[in-house]
Structure formats: structure tokens, C-alpha cells
């Protein structure tokens, strides 16, 4: 094997074997192309890294400021208490120096549908988002006790508290009184709901302990 012109053979063995690499390098006072190539390669093809992973409101990721995010590396996202992760929990650094997909987001946990006996709600959903409003109504014969409106709050609670529907008496209806054991009822045992919206009087009373 021979090199022409300004080149001479360089090898680190005393013999040249088949398929064993040998190199032509410059003679004295000539500049080596190999040197130029290896000196320029890092500048022509810089190492690819991704920028720090984007942060998310009310959450964190597993990356550290000092980390070198090389292609193939990944970070995991998580949310703080009271929030749920929407989207992919993991993103990866690609060979292009970008992250594989948009970062996820953290949304406040919603509220479950409240239960109200002998009543109903105007907005029927399985879950409600923070700030959603529901309006309560009672069935016929029942009266609302509490606020008619309630808002979904952080932590899955409703404010004002969910009201209750109490039995409502209409004119003509009556109720009967009983005394606890050891006491005697004095007066009429029943009172009736009048058209004026009040109960007939006098009310009975329980007196004396036997």
C-alpha cells in the first residue's frame, strides 16, 4: 500500500492485515485533512439537547435545572393535592431537540352530584367543575330549607351547603301528638293546618310524670 504526493502511510502495527485500517497523513509542514475534519465535526454537528421541560400551574415535573436533557430522556408530571392531571404524564426529548408532545395541565378536582331527598336539581351532570352553579327545587308538598343555589368549590365541596326539602303541610292536613312514656297529654291530640297558613290552636301539651 502506498500514498501519493504529500501523504505517507501511518499505522500502529508492523504489518498490514486484510481489512485492518491504515491512514494516510501529511508529511512535515503539510496540514492534515484528518485534523481539520475532527476539529470541525463538533462545530458542524453540535450535541443535540432539549431545553428545560416546561412547567405547569399547580403541578411539577421530575426534571432538575442541572439536568442535561438528551434525546430519549423523559420527565414525569404530577399535580398537587386537589388537582388532577389532564393529558400525558410523561414527555420525551426528541432527536430534534424538542419535547415529544405538549405538556399536560392540572385542573382542580370537580364536585360530585349532590343528593337531595324529595327534590331535584336544574343542572344534571355526573361531575361539576370548579365554579359551576346548580339550582335546587323541592317536590310538591315539600318546602326548601336553605339556599336555593350552590356553587362547586375547591376540594369538591358545595357552598352554600346543599339544602333539604322538608315536608310542607297544606290547608286541611292535620298532625297528631303523642307524649313520651310517663307523661299525659292535655288538650286536643290533633291540630290542623288552616287556610291562613297557621296551625289551629291551642296546642296540646304533655304534663306530669306518672
C-alpha atoms as a PDB file:
ATOM      1  CA  UNK A   1       0.000   0.000   0.000  1.00  0.00           C
ATOM      2  CA  UNK A   2       1.328   3.496  -0.832  1.00  0.00           C
ATOM      3  CA  UNK A   3       0.243   7.106  -0.531  1.00  0.00           C
ATOM      4  CA  UNK A   4       0.801   9.608  -3.292  1.00  0.00           C
ATOM      5  CA  UNK A   5       2.162  13.133  -3.160  1.00  0.00           C
ATOM      6  CA  UNK A   6       2.132  14.805   0.220  1.00  0.00           C
ATOM      7  CA  UNK A   7       0.855  11.767   2.101  1.00  0.00           C
ATOM      8  CA  UNK A   8       2.592   8.868   3.833  1.00  0.00           C
ATOM      9  CA  UNK A   9       1.263   5.720   5.491  1.00  0.00           C
ATOM     10  CA  UNK A  10       0.504   5.760   9.182  1.00  0.00           C
ATOM     11  CA  UNK A  11      -0.303   2.554  11.085  1.00  0.00           C
ATOM     12  CA  UNK A  12       0.178   1.263  14.568  1.00  0.00           C
ATOM     13  CA  UNK A  13       1.181  -2.279  13.511  1.00  0.00           C
ATOM     14  CA  UNK A  14       4.329  -3.675  11.950  1.00  0.00           C
ATOM     15  CA  UNK A  15       2.306  -5.305   9.225  1.00  0.00           C
ATOM     16  CA  UNK A  16      -0.819  -4.567   7.193  1.00  0.00           C
ATOM     17  CA  UNK A  17      -3.506  -7.181   7.534  1.00  0.00           C
ATOM     18  CA  UNK A  18      -6.555  -7.609   5.363  1.00  0.00           C
ATOM     19  CA  UNK A  19      -9.373  -5.298   6.456  1.00  0.00           C
ATOM     20  CA  UNK A  20      -7.070  -3.648   9.018  1.00  0.00           C
ATOM     21  CA  UNK A  21      -7.403   0.142   8.732  1.00  0.00           C
ATOM     22  CA  UNK A  22      -4.399   2.255   7.747  1.00  0.00           C
ATOM     23  CA  UNK A  23      -4.380   6.001   7.314  1.00  0.00           C
ATOM     24  CA  UNK A  24      -2.652   8.493   5.075  1.00  0.00           C
ATOM     25  CA  UNK A  25      -1.352  11.525   6.951  1.00  0.00           C
ATOM     26  CA  UNK A  26       0.542  14.620   5.846  1.00  0.00           C
ATOM     27  CA  UNK A  27       4.287  14.891   5.635  1.00  0.00           C
ATOM     28  CA  UNK A  28       6.034  17.510   7.682  1.00  0.00           C
ATOM     29  CA  UNK A  29       4.867  21.124   7.073  1.00  0.00           C
ATOM     30  CA  UNK A  30       1.615  19.987   5.460  1.00  0.00           C
ATOM     31  CA  UNK A  31      -1.759  20.397   7.115  1.00  0.00           C
ATOM     32  CA  UNK A  32      -3.760  17.225   7.771  1.00  0.00           C
ATOM     33  CA  UNK A  33      -7.324  16.976   6.487  1.00  0.00           C
ATOM     34  CA  UNK A  34      -7.976  14.474   9.279  1.00  0.00           C
ATOM     35  CA  UNK A  35      -7.159  17.185  11.806  1.00  0.00           C
ATOM     36  CA  UNK A  36      -9.483  19.653  10.084  1.00  0.00           C
ATOM     37  CA  UNK A  37     -12.257  17.081   9.943  1.00  0.00           C
ATOM     38  CA  UNK A  38     -12.062  16.095  13.603  1.00  0.00           C
ATOM     39  CA  UNK A  39     -11.684  19.711  14.665  1.00  0.00           C
ATOM     40  CA  UNK A  40     -14.710  20.845  12.635  1.00  0.00           C
ATOM     41  CA  UNK A  41     -17.086  17.944  13.289  1.00  0.00           C
ATOM     42  CA  UNK A  42     -18.173  19.105  16.749  1.00  0.00           C
ATOM     43  CA  UNK A  43     -18.960  22.540  15.313  1.00  0.00           C
ATOM     44  CA  UNK A  44     -20.691  21.172  12.222  1.00  0.00           C
ATOM     45  CA  UNK A  45     -22.730  18.670  14.253  1.00  0.00           C
ATOM     46  CA  UNK A  46     -23.234  20.026  17.800  1.00  0.00           C
ATOM     47  CA  UNK A  47     -24.658  17.734  20.514  1.00  0.00           C
ATOM     48  CA  UNK A  48     -28.469  17.842  20.495  1.00  0.00           C
ATOM     49  CA  UNK A  49     -30.213  18.598  23.792  1.00  0.00           C
ATOM     50  CA  UNK A  50     -33.697  19.769  24.737  1.00  0.00           C
ATOM     51  CA  UNK A  51     -34.391  22.957  26.686  1.00  0.00           C
ATOM     52  CA  UNK A  52     -35.631  22.610  30.263  1.00  0.00           C
ATOM     53  CA  UNK A  53     -39.091  20.990  30.290  1.00  0.00           C
ATOM     54  CA  UNK A  54     -41.953  23.493  30.572  1.00  0.00           C
ATOM     55  CA  UNK A  55     -43.562  23.944  33.953  1.00  0.00           C
ATOM     56  CA  UNK A  56     -47.275  23.622  34.688  1.00  0.00           C
ATOM     57  CA  UNK A  57     -49.541  25.536  37.048  1.00  0.00           C
ATOM     58  CA  UNK A  58     -50.397  23.669  40.270  1.00  0.00           C
ATOM     59  CA  UNK A  59     -48.003  20.851  39.390  1.00  0.00           C
ATOM     60  CA  UNK A  60     -44.375  19.779  38.992  1.00  0.00           C
ATOM     61  CA  UNK A  61     -42.133  17.645  36.792  1.00  0.00           C
ATOM     62  CA  UNK A  62     -39.281  15.278  37.653  1.00  0.00           C
ATOM     63  CA  UNK A  63     -36.599  17.257  35.755  1.00  0.00           C
ATOM     64  CA  UNK A  64     -33.876  19.186  37.592  1.00  0.00           C
ATOM     65  CA  UNK A  65     -32.326  22.542  36.499  1.00  0.00           C
ATOM     66  CA  UNK A  66     -28.909  20.901  36.270  1.00  0.00           C
ATOM     67  CA  UNK A  67     -30.097  18.009  34.090  1.00  0.00           C
ATOM     68  CA  UNK A  68     -28.825  17.678  30.521  1.00  0.00           C
ATOM     69  CA  UNK A  69     -31.883  16.607  28.560  1.00  0.00           C
ATOM     70  CA  UNK A  70     -30.542  14.351  25.810  1.00  0.00           C
ATOM     71  CA  UNK A  71     -32.686  12.693  23.121  1.00  0.00           C
ATOM     72  CA  UNK A  72     -34.573   9.793  24.633  1.00  0.00           C
ATOM     73  CA  UNK A  73     -34.680  11.206  28.149  1.00  0.00           C
ATOM     74  CA  UNK A  74     -38.115  11.767  29.699  1.00  0.00           C
ATOM     75  CA  UNK A  75     -39.728  13.691  32.543  1.00  0.00           C
ATOM     76  CA  UNK A  76     -42.831  12.853  34.555  1.00  0.00           C
ATOM     77  CA  UNK A  77     -45.503  15.375  35.580  1.00  0.00           C
ATOM     78  CA  UNK A  78     -47.683  15.335  38.687  1.00  0.00           C
ATOM     79  CA  UNK A  79     -50.259  17.648  40.289  1.00  0.00           C
ATOM     80  CA  UNK A  80     -50.548  18.902  43.835  1.00  0.00           C
ATOM     81  CA  UNK A  81     -53.364  17.807  46.108  1.00  0.00           C
ATOM     82  CA  UNK A  82     -56.795  18.872  44.961  1.00  0.00           C
ATOM     83  CA  UNK A  83     -55.878  18.773  41.261  1.00  0.00           C
ATOM     84  CA  UNK A  84     -55.971  16.088  38.562  1.00  0.00           C
ATOM     85  CA  UNK A  85     -53.578  15.660  35.632  1.00  0.00           C
ATOM     86  CA  UNK A  86     -55.116  16.173  32.188  1.00  0.00           C
ATOM     87  CA  UNK A  87     -53.038  14.800  29.296  1.00  0.00           C
ATOM     88  CA  UNK A  88     -49.942  12.578  29.116  1.00  0.00           C
ATOM     89  CA  UNK A  89     -47.980  12.352  32.356  1.00  0.00           C
ATOM     90  CA  UNK A  90     -44.651  11.862  30.502  1.00  0.00           C
ATOM     91  CA  UNK A  91     -42.923  13.772  27.683  1.00  0.00           C
ATOM     92  CA  UNK A  92     -39.634  12.810  25.969  1.00  0.00           C
ATOM     93  CA  UNK A  93     -36.749  14.700  24.387  1.00  0.00           C
ATOM     94  CA  UNK A  94     -36.621  14.025  20.627  1.00  0.00           C
ATOM     95  CA  UNK A  95     -33.631  13.896  18.272  1.00  0.00           C
ATOM     96  CA  UNK A  96     -34.668  17.340  17.014  1.00  0.00           C
ATOM     97  CA  UNK A  97     -34.134  18.904  20.418  1.00  0.00           C
ATOM     98  CA  UNK A  98     -37.841  19.398  21.117  1.00  0.00           C
ATOM     99  CA  UNK A  99     -40.224  17.739  23.542  1.00  0.00           C
ATOM    100  CA  UNK A 100     -42.403  14.944  22.163  1.00  0.00           C
ATOM    101  CA  UNK A 101     -45.806  16.417  22.967  1.00  0.00           C
ATOM    102  CA  UNK A 102     -47.430  19.386  24.717  1.00  0.00           C
ATOM    103  CA  UNK A 103     -47.098  19.309  28.483  1.00  0.00           C
ATOM    104  CA  UNK A 104     -50.183  18.203  30.464  1.00  0.00           C
ATOM    105  CA  UNK A 105     -52.148  20.522  32.742  1.00  0.00           C
ATOM    106  CA  UNK A 106     -53.552  20.344  36.242  1.00  0.00           C
ATOM    107  CA  UNK A 107     -57.238  21.046  36.757  1.00  0.00           C
ATOM    108  CA  UNK A 108     -58.944  21.485  40.099  1.00  0.00           C
ATOM    109  CA  UNK A 109     -60.928  18.455  41.162  1.00  0.00           C
ATOM    110  CA  UNK A 110     -64.640  18.880  40.483  1.00  0.00           C
ATOM    111  CA  UNK A 111     -67.665  18.181  42.654  1.00  0.00           C
ATOM    112  CA  UNK A 112     -69.866  15.127  42.618  1.00  0.00           C
ATOM    113  CA  UNK A 113     -73.587  15.467  42.057  1.00  0.00           C
ATOM    114  CA  UNK A 114     -75.182  16.215  45.433  1.00  0.00           C
ATOM    115  CA  UNK A 115     -78.146  14.231  46.689  1.00  0.00           C
ATOM    116  CA  UNK A 116     -81.345  15.951  47.801  1.00  0.00           C
ATOM    117  CA  UNK A 117     -84.266  13.892  49.042  1.00  0.00           C
ATOM    118  CA  UNK A 118     -87.733  14.872  47.865  1.00  0.00           C
ATOM    119  CA  UNK A 119     -86.199  17.402  45.465  1.00  0.00           C
ATOM    120  CA  UNK A 120     -84.255  17.854  42.249  1.00  0.00           C
ATOM    121  CA  UNK A 121     -81.582  19.978  40.556  1.00  0.00           C
ATOM    122  CA  UNK A 122     -81.822  22.049  37.395  1.00  0.00           C
ATOM    123  CA  UNK A 123     -78.381  21.012  36.076  1.00  0.00           C
ATOM    124  CA  UNK A 124     -77.952  17.237  35.951  1.00  0.00           C
ATOM    125  CA  UNK A 125     -74.318  16.199  35.490  1.00  0.00           C
ATOM    126  CA  UNK A 126     -72.229  13.337  36.856  1.00  0.00           C
ATOM    127  CA  UNK A 127     -69.472  15.725  37.958  1.00  0.00           C
ATOM    128  CA  UNK A 128     -69.232  19.501  38.100  1.00  0.00           C
ATOM    129  CA  UNK A 129     -66.290  21.807  37.510  1.00  0.00           C
ATOM    130  CA  UNK A 130     -64.998  24.442  39.893  1.00  0.00           C
ATOM    131  CA  UNK A 131     -67.435  27.379  39.946  1.00  0.00           C
ATOM    132  CA  UNK A 132     -70.384  25.504  38.420  1.00  0.00           C
ATOM    133  CA  UNK A 133     -73.799  26.545  39.735  1.00  0.00           C
ATOM    134  CA  UNK A 134     -76.761  24.308  40.481  1.00  0.00           C
ATOM    135  CA  UNK A 135     -80.291  25.352  41.477  1.00  0.00           C
ATOM    136  CA  UNK A 136     -82.461  23.205  43.744  1.00  0.00           C
ATOM    137  CA  UNK A 137     -86.222  22.681  43.699  1.00  0.00           C
ATOM    138  CA  UNK A 138     -88.420  20.625  46.001  1.00  0.00           C
ATOM    139  CA  UNK A 139     -91.138  18.183  45.029  1.00  0.00           C
ATOM    140  CA  UNK A 140     -94.772  19.104  45.535  1.00  0.00           C
ATOM    141  CA  UNK A 141     -95.676  19.087  49.196  1.00  0.00           C
ATOM    142  CA  UNK A 142     -92.150  19.959  50.356  1.00  0.00           C
ATOM    143  CA  UNK A 143     -90.512  23.278  51.180  1.00  0.00           C
ATOM    144  CA  UNK A 144     -86.878  24.224  50.629  1.00  0.00           C
ATOM    145  CA  UNK A 145     -84.849  24.851  53.766  1.00  0.00           C
ATOM    146  CA  UNK A 146     -81.574  26.573  52.976  1.00  0.00           C
ATOM    147  CA  UNK A 147     -80.164  28.291  49.884  1.00  0.00           C
ATOM    148  CA  UNK A 148     -81.742  27.523  46.530  1.00  0.00           C
ATOM    149  CA  UNK A 149     -78.352  27.948  44.756  1.00  0.00           C
ATOM    150  CA  UNK A 150     -74.967  26.360  45.430  1.00  0.00           C
ATOM    151  CA  UNK A 151     -71.512  26.603  43.778  1.00  0.00           C
ATOM    152  CA  UNK A 152     -68.846  23.926  43.307  1.00  0.00           C
ATOM    153  CA  UNK A 153     -65.834  24.829  45.458  1.00  0.00           C
ATOM    154  CA  UNK A 154     -62.193  23.734  45.534  1.00  0.00           C
ATOM    155  CA  UNK A 155     -61.879  20.370  47.255  1.00  0.00           C
ATOM    156  CA  UNK A 156     -65.176  19.037  45.900  1.00  0.00           C
ATOM    157  CA  UNK A 157     -67.500  20.842  48.323  1.00  0.00           C
ATOM    158  CA  UNK A 158     -70.655  22.883  47.670  1.00  0.00           C
ATOM    159  CA  UNK A 159     -71.229  26.381  49.021  1.00  0.00           C
ATOM    160  CA  UNK A 160     -73.722  27.354  50.324  1.00  0.00           C
ATOM    161  CA  UNK A 161     -74.397  23.849  51.684  1.00  0.00           C
ATOM    162  CA  UNK A 162     -76.904  21.679  49.870  1.00  0.00           C
ATOM    163  CA  UNK A 163     -80.403  22.484  51.223  1.00  0.00           C
ATOM    164  CA  UNK A 164     -83.025  19.990  52.372  1.00  0.00           C
ATOM    165  CA  UNK A 165     -86.665  19.609  51.385  1.00  0.00           C
ATOM    166  CA  UNK A 166     -88.969  19.477  54.380  1.00  0.00           C
ATOM    167  CA  UNK A 167     -92.492  18.161  54.398  1.00  0.00           C
ATOM    168  CA  UNK A 168     -94.924  21.000  53.806  1.00  0.00           C
ATOM    169  CA  UNK A 169     -98.461  20.830  55.179  1.00  0.00           C
ATOM    170  CA  UNK A 170    -101.321  22.230  53.132  1.00  0.00           C
ATOM    171  CA  UNK A 171    -104.648  23.506  54.498  1.00  0.00           C
ATOM    172  CA  UNK A 172    -106.811  20.700  55.779  1.00  0.00           C
ATOM    173  CA  UNK A 173    -103.926  18.446  56.773  1.00  0.00           C
ATOM    174  CA  UNK A 174    -103.586  17.546  60.438  1.00  0.00           C
ATOM    175  CA  UNK A 175    -100.992  16.060  62.734  1.00  0.00           C
ATOM    176  CA  UNK A 176    -101.449  14.032  65.895  1.00  0.00           C
ATOM    177  CA  UNK A 177     -99.454  14.471  69.090  1.00  0.00           C
ATOM    178  CA  UNK A 178     -98.188  11.819  71.487  1.00  0.00           C
ATOM    179  CA  UNK A 179     -96.396  12.111  74.794  1.00  0.00           C
ATOM    180  CA  UNK A 180     -93.328  10.252  75.910  1.00  0.00           C
ATOM    181  CA  UNK A 181     -93.806   7.445  78.403  1.00  0.00           C
ATOM    182  CA  UNK A 182     -94.523   8.800  81.851  1.00  0.00           C
ATOM    183  CA  UNK A 183     -96.336  11.913  80.591  1.00  0.00           C
ATOM    184  CA  UNK A 184    -100.043  12.636  79.962  1.00  0.00           C
ATOM    185  CA  UNK A 185    -101.387  14.621  77.008  1.00  0.00           C
ATOM    186  CA  UNK A 186    -103.540  17.588  77.959  1.00  0.00           C
ATOM    187  CA  UNK A 187    -105.721  19.144  75.279  1.00  0.00           C
ATOM    188  CA  UNK A 188    -106.686  18.010  71.803  1.00  0.00           C
ATOM    189  CA  UNK A 189    -104.494  15.324  70.352  1.00  0.00           C
ATOM    190  CA  UNK A 190    -104.613  16.796  66.835  1.00  0.00           C
ATOM    191  CA  UNK A 191    -104.071  20.201  65.242  1.00  0.00           C
ATOM    192  CA  UNK A 192    -104.925  21.188  61.683  1.00  0.00           C
ATOM    193  CA  UNK A 193    -103.307  23.377  59.032  1.00  0.00           C
ATOM    194  CA  UNK A 194    -105.592  26.337  58.351  1.00  0.00           C
ATOM    195  CA  UNK A 195    -106.072  28.260  55.098  1.00  0.00           C
ATOM    196  CA  UNK A 196    -104.246  31.185  56.735  1.00  0.00           C
ATOM    197  CA  UNK A 197    -101.089  29.088  56.794  1.00  0.00           C
ATOM    198  CA  UNK A 198    -101.029  28.627  60.566  1.00  0.00           C
ATOM    199  CA  UNK A 199    -101.904  25.726  62.838  1.00  0.00           C
ATOM    200  CA  UNK A 200    -105.137  25.547  64.808  1.00  0.00           C
ATOM    201  CA  UNK A 201    -104.733  26.316  68.470  1.00  0.00           C
ATOM    202  CA  UNK A 202    -104.464  25.669  71.309  1.00  0.00           C
ATOM    203  CA  UNK A 203    -101.639  23.162  71.013  1.00  0.00           C
ATOM    204  CA  UNK A 204    -101.770  20.180  73.357  1.00  0.00           C
ATOM    205  CA  UNK A 205     -99.102  19.679  75.982  1.00  0.00           C
ATOM    206  CA  UNK A 206     -97.593  16.828  77.906  1.00  0.00           C
ATOM    207  CA  UNK A 207     -97.794  17.183  81.669  1.00  0.00           C
ATOM    208  CA  UNK A 208     -96.888  15.369  84.788  1.00  0.00           C
ATOM    209  CA  UNK A 209     -94.657  12.418  85.172  1.00  0.00           C
ATOM    210  CA  UNK A 210     -96.524   9.371  86.360  1.00  0.00           C
END
